Amino acid sequence: MSQKPSGEQSPNMQFQIEPAVPADTAECIWLRGMTRENAVSEARLTSLGITVQSWGDDIATGKLPGFVARCNGEMAGYCFGEVESGEIVVLALLPQFEGQGLGCELLSRVVALLRADGHRRLFLGCAADPKARSYGFYRHLGWRSTGEVDRLGDEVLELL
């Protein structure tokens, strides 16, 4: 995977992609509730034990590395992975930034981080409905179903 510098030019927009820092978490939580499909509210995240503090702590300790993308100072999306397990925990974009290659770029950067940490097998939870955008997105990138379902009811996909 090639690492592109911050401020790279996409076909339609200019994105700055940088490693996530704990101060990004409040904005990440807000953005998660604004996604086109599979939006998750702050209240729902809190019920799952995900708060600004817990997410920020996980970034600070290196447990949950990730990247955030901004366009003209506005957070456009992000992706995070869990170092211990090799799970891609979340990839989220605001709808107006879809279709620009940003999701692929964020995901590839987190995949590279987890691979560098020694993970040969990476996995994630994805909607099992073929009508969901994520269903085709991940499969197009080489992710394959394991036939398992995670604790949230999502299909588990892996990248070997």
Protein backbone atom coordinates (compact mmCIF):
# COMPACT_ATOMS: atom_id res chain seq x y z
CA MET A 1 0.00 0.00 0.00
CA SER A 2 1.31 3.42 -0.76
CA GLN A 3 1.24 6.00 1.97
CA LYS A 4 -0.02 9.27 0.52
CA PRO A 5 0.98 12.52 2.20
CA SER A 6 -1.47 14.80 4.00
CA GLY A 7 -3.16 17.27 1.75
CA GLU A 8 -3.32 14.88 -1.18
CA GLN A 9 -5.63 15.75 -4.05
CA SER A 10 -8.57 13.47 -4.77
CA PRO A 11 -10.40 13.85 -8.09
CA ASN A 12 -12.97 16.21 -6.55
CA MET A 13 -11.76 17.28 -3.12
CA GLN A 14 -8.61 17.84 -1.15
CA PHE A 15 -8.30 15.71 1.98
CA GLN A 16 -5.84 15.85 4.82
CA ILE A 17 -5.37 12.43 6.38
CA GLU A 18 -3.58 12.22 9.70
CA PRO A 19 -3.19 9.77 12.57
CA ALA A 20 -6.07 10.12 15.02
CA VAL A 21 -5.43 11.74 18.38
CA PRO A 22 -7.58 11.62 21.54
CA ALA A 23 -8.89 15.14 20.86
CA ASP A 24 -10.60 13.79 17.70
CA THR A 25 -13.00 11.49 19.56
CA ALA A 26 -15.88 13.89 20.22
CA GLU A 27 -15.99 14.74 16.53
CA CYS A 28 -15.73 11.03 15.62
CA ILE A 29 -18.72 10.24 17.83
CA TRP A 30 -20.72 13.06 16.24
CA LEU A 31 -19.79 11.88 12.72
CA ARG A 32 -20.76 8.27 13.53
CA GLY A 33 -24.32 9.43 14.03
CA MET A 34 -24.34 11.24 10.67
CA THR A 35 -23.40 8.38 8.33
CA ARG A 36 -25.74 7.34 5.52
CA GLU A 37 -26.10 3.69 6.58
CA ASN A 38 -25.54 2.19 9.99
CA ALA A 39 -25.53 5.51 11.82
CA VAL A 40 -24.97 5.04 15.54
CA SER A 41 -26.01 7.74 17.99
CA GLU A 42 -23.90 8.94 20.89
CA ALA A 43 -26.45 7.39 23.28
CA ARG A 44 -26.13 4.00 21.56
CA LEU A 45 -22.33 4.20 21.61
CA THR A 46 -22.44 5.05 25.32
CA SER A 47 -24.67 2.02 25.95
CA LEU A 48 -21.93 -0.07 24.29
CA GLY A 49 -19.31 1.47 26.59
CA ILE A 50 -17.90 3.79 23.93
CA THR A 51 -17.53 7.34 25.20
CA VAL A 52 -15.32 10.29 24.32
CA GLN A 53 -13.15 9.36 27.31
CA SER A 54 -12.89 5.62 26.62
CA TRP A 55 -12.25 6.08 22.90
CA GLY A 56 -9.69 8.80 23.59
CA ASP A 57 -7.95 6.60 26.15
CA ASP A 58 -7.77 3.73 23.63
CA ILE A 59 -6.17 6.05 21.07
CA ALA A 60 -3.72 7.43 23.64
CA THR A 61 -2.57 3.97 24.76
CA GLY A 62 -2.18 2.74 21.18
CA LYS A 63 -4.89 0.11 21.61
CA LEU A 64 -7.04 1.70 18.90
CA PRO A 65 -4.95 3.36 16.21
CA GLY A 66 -6.63 5.07 13.34
CA PHE A 67 -6.69 7.88 10.85
CA VAL A 68 -9.00 10.85 10.44
CA ALA A 69 -9.61 12.71 7.20
CA ARG A 70 -10.55 16.36 6.96
CA CYS A 71 -11.70 18.49 4.07
CA ASN A 72 -11.34 22.25 4.58
CA GLY A 73 -11.01 21.66 8.32
CA GLU A 74 -14.19 19.55 8.56
CA MET A 75 -13.91 15.92 9.59
CA ALA A 76 -14.92 13.88 6.56
CA GLY A 77 -14.33 10.38 7.90
CA TYR A 78 -12.16 8.03 9.88
CA CYS A 79 -11.08 4.44 10.32
CA PHE A 80 -9.82 2.63 13.43
CA GLY A 81 -8.44 -0.83 14.10
CA GLU A 82 -7.74 -2.78 17.27
CA VAL A 83 -4.10 -3.71 17.72
CA GLU A 84 -4.70 -6.70 19.98
CA SER A 85 -7.18 -8.55 17.76
CA GLY A 86 -6.60 -7.27 14.22
CA GLU A 87 -10.20 -6.09 13.94
CA ILE A 88 -11.15 -3.12 11.81
CA VAL A 89 -13.47 -1.58 14.39
CA VAL A 90 -15.02 1.21 12.35
CA LEU A 91 -14.86 2.99 9.01
CA ALA A 92 -17.19 5.98 8.77
CA LEU A 93 -17.64 8.79 6.26
CA LEU A 94 -20.05 11.67 6.00
CA PRO A 95 -22.33 11.05 2.98
CA GLN A 96 -21.02 14.03 1.01
CA PHE A 97 -17.53 12.51 1.03
CA GLU A 98 -18.49 9.07 -0.27
CA GLY A 99 -17.35 7.99 -3.72
CA GLN A 100 -14.06 9.93 -3.59
CA GLY A 101 -11.78 6.99 -2.70
CA LEU A 102 -11.50 8.25 0.86
CA GLY A 103 -12.96 5.14 2.50
CA CYS A 104 -10.51 2.93 0.59
CA GLU A 105 -7.59 5.14 1.58
CA LEU A 106 -8.51 5.26 5.27
CA LEU A 107 -9.08 1.52 5.37
CA SER A 108 -5.81 0.75 3.58
CA ARG A 109 -3.85 2.86 6.07
CA VAL A 110 -5.33 1.02 9.05
CA VAL A 111 -4.79 -2.34 7.34
CA ALA A 112 -1.12 -1.37 6.83
CA LEU A 113 -0.79 -0.43 10.53
CA LEU A 114 -2.24 -3.74 11.69
CA ARG A 115 -0.14 -5.71 9.20
CA ALA A 116 2.98 -3.90 10.45
CA ASP A 117 1.96 -4.98 13.95
CA GLY A 118 2.14 -8.60 12.77
CA HIS A 119 -1.48 -9.45 11.95
CA ARG A 120 -1.81 -11.79 8.98
CA ARG A 121 -5.59 -12.11 9.35
CA LEU A 122 -7.72 -9.02 9.75
CA PHE A 123 -11.47 -9.03 10.31
CA LEU A 124 -14.49 -6.77 10.65
CA GLY A 125 -18.24 -6.87 11.13
CA CYS A 126 -20.32 -5.92 8.09
CA ALA A 127 -23.98 -5.80 7.14
CA ALA A 128 -25.11 -9.14 5.72
CA ASP A 129 -27.68 -7.43 3.47
CA PRO A 130 -26.46 -7.25 -0.14
CA LYS A 131 -28.39 -3.98 -0.50
CA ALA A 132 -26.14 -2.28 2.09
CA ARG A 133 -23.28 -0.24 0.60
CA SER A 134 -20.74 -1.84 2.92
CA TYR A 135 -21.63 -5.32 1.67
CA GLY A 136 -20.21 -4.71 -1.80
CA PHE A 137 -17.54 -2.24 -0.69
CA TYR A 138 -15.57 -4.68 1.45
CA ARG A 139 -16.03 -7.64 -0.87
CA HIS A 140 -14.77 -5.56 -3.81
CA LEU A 141 -11.60 -4.94 -1.79
CA GLY A 142 -11.00 -8.65 -1.17
CA TRP A 143 -12.70 -9.19 2.20
CA ARG A 144 -14.44 -12.58 2.43
CA SER A 145 -17.18 -13.94 4.67
CA THR A 146 -16.17 -16.33 7.44
CA GLY A 147 -19.76 -17.57 7.82
CA GLU A 148 -19.78 -16.18 11.38
CA VAL A 149 -21.90 -13.45 12.95
CA ASP A 150 -20.50 -11.10 15.61
CA ARG A 151 -22.10 -10.01 18.90
CA LEU A 152 -23.84 -7.10 17.16
CA GLY A 153 -25.41 -9.34 14.51
CA ASP A 154 -23.06 -8.36 11.71
CA GLU A 155 -21.47 -10.82 9.32
CA VAL A 156 -17.75 -11.33 9.99
CA LEU A 157 -15.51 -10.73 7.01
CA GLU A 158 -11.77 -11.40 6.91
CA LEU A 159 -8.81 -10.28 4.87
CA LEU A 160 -5.99 -12.80 4.72
